[in-house]
Amino acid sequence: MYYNLYTKKSFQGINLEKLQATNLKGGFCTFNQARKLKGKIIKGSKSVARLVRKVQDSKEEEYRSYPVFHVSQIQFNNEVK
């Protein structure tokens, strides 16, 4: 299963195909989403895929891409500071 670790939603369409090509299963999230989850990307890690999202402003339509990291590349800090 391929899902967003932050939103818990499953990926669909071309993004799902890109994640399947990585041969990694489980949760994926962006850098900022990992930070919001009190995690940090392990030093030296590279994003596993660049996913796309359609953004529509009034009459214009554009696509934005963003890098995602696998849950194995994220170090979670369980300590409460």
Protein backbone atom coordinates (compact mmCIF):
# COMPACT_ATOMS: atom_id res chain seq x y z
CA MET A 1 0.00 0.00 0.00
CA TYR A 2 1.27 3.45 -0.89
CA TYR A 3 -0.03 6.27 1.29
CA ASN A 4 0.86 9.72 2.53
CA LEU A 5 2.27 9.39 6.04
CA TYR A 6 0.93 12.82 7.05
CA THR A 7 -2.59 12.79 5.56
CA LYS A 8 -3.08 8.97 5.61
CA LYS A 9 -4.54 9.18 2.08
CA SER A 10 -3.61 6.65 -0.61
CA PHE A 11 -1.81 7.83 -3.73
CA GLN A 12 -3.56 7.51 -7.09
CA GLY A 13 -2.85 7.77 -10.80
CA ILE A 14 0.62 8.64 -12.11
CA ASN A 15 1.91 9.23 -8.57
CA LEU A 16 1.02 5.67 -7.61
CA GLU A 17 2.88 4.36 -10.65
CA LYS A 18 5.97 6.40 -9.75
CA LEU A 19 5.96 5.02 -6.20
CA GLN A 20 5.47 1.44 -7.41
CA ALA A 21 8.59 1.86 -9.55
CA THR A 22 10.65 2.52 -6.40
CA ASN A 23 9.94 -0.99 -5.04
CA LEU A 24 9.30 0.56 -1.61
CA LYS A 25 5.97 0.04 0.14
CA GLY A 26 4.40 1.98 2.96
CA GLY A 27 4.28 5.64 3.89
CA PHE A 28 5.78 8.56 2.01
CA CYS A 29 5.86 12.26 2.84
CA THR A 30 7.51 15.53 1.91
CA PHE A 31 10.27 17.21 3.90
CA ASN A 32 7.87 19.68 5.53
CA GLN A 33 5.36 16.97 6.37
CA ALA A 34 8.12 14.98 8.11
CA ARG A 35 8.99 18.07 10.16
CA LYS A 36 5.35 18.50 11.19
CA LEU A 37 5.38 14.88 12.38
CA LYS A 38 8.41 15.69 14.59
CA GLY A 39 10.73 13.73 12.34
CA LYS A 40 13.80 14.59 10.32
CA ILE A 41 15.21 13.24 7.10
CA ILE A 42 18.31 11.13 7.69
CA LYS A 43 21.41 12.98 6.52
CA GLY A 44 22.43 12.10 2.99
CA SER A 45 19.02 10.72 2.02
CA LYS A 46 17.74 11.49 -1.45
CA SER A 47 14.08 11.72 -2.33
CA VAL A 48 12.71 8.52 -3.84
CA ALA A 49 10.36 10.20 -6.34
CA ARG A 50 9.02 13.53 -7.55
CA LEU A 51 5.25 13.48 -7.46
CA VAL A 52 2.98 15.93 -9.29
CA ARG A 53 -0.09 17.82 -8.21
CA LYS A 54 -2.49 19.85 -10.32
CA VAL A 55 -3.06 23.41 -9.07
CA GLN A 56 -5.83 25.45 -10.60
CA ASP A 57 -6.02 29.24 -10.27
CA SER A 58 -9.19 30.72 -11.81
CA LYS A 59 -8.79 29.79 -15.50
CA GLU A 60 -5.16 28.68 -15.42
CA GLU A 61 -4.07 25.15 -14.68
CA GLU A 62 -0.53 24.17 -13.76
CA TYR A 63 1.32 21.21 -12.34
CA ARG A 64 3.69 21.40 -9.39
CA SER A 65 6.11 18.67 -8.47
CA TYR A 66 7.46 17.86 -5.05
CA PRO A 67 10.00 15.34 -3.75
CA VAL A 68 8.87 12.63 -1.35
CA PHE A 69 10.78 10.47 1.11
CA HIS A 70 10.03 6.94 2.30
CA VAL A 71 9.31 6.29 5.97
CA SER A 72 12.64 4.39 6.23
CA GLN A 73 14.46 7.66 5.45
CA ILE A 74 12.82 9.54 8.32
CA GLN A 75 14.10 9.51 11.88
CA PHE A 76 11.33 10.20 14.41
CA ASN A 77 12.15 11.74 17.75
CA ASN A 78 9.88 10.24 20.40
CA GLU A 79 11.21 12.52 23.15
CA VAL A 80 8.93 15.35 24.23
CA LYS A 81 10.86 18.57 24.71
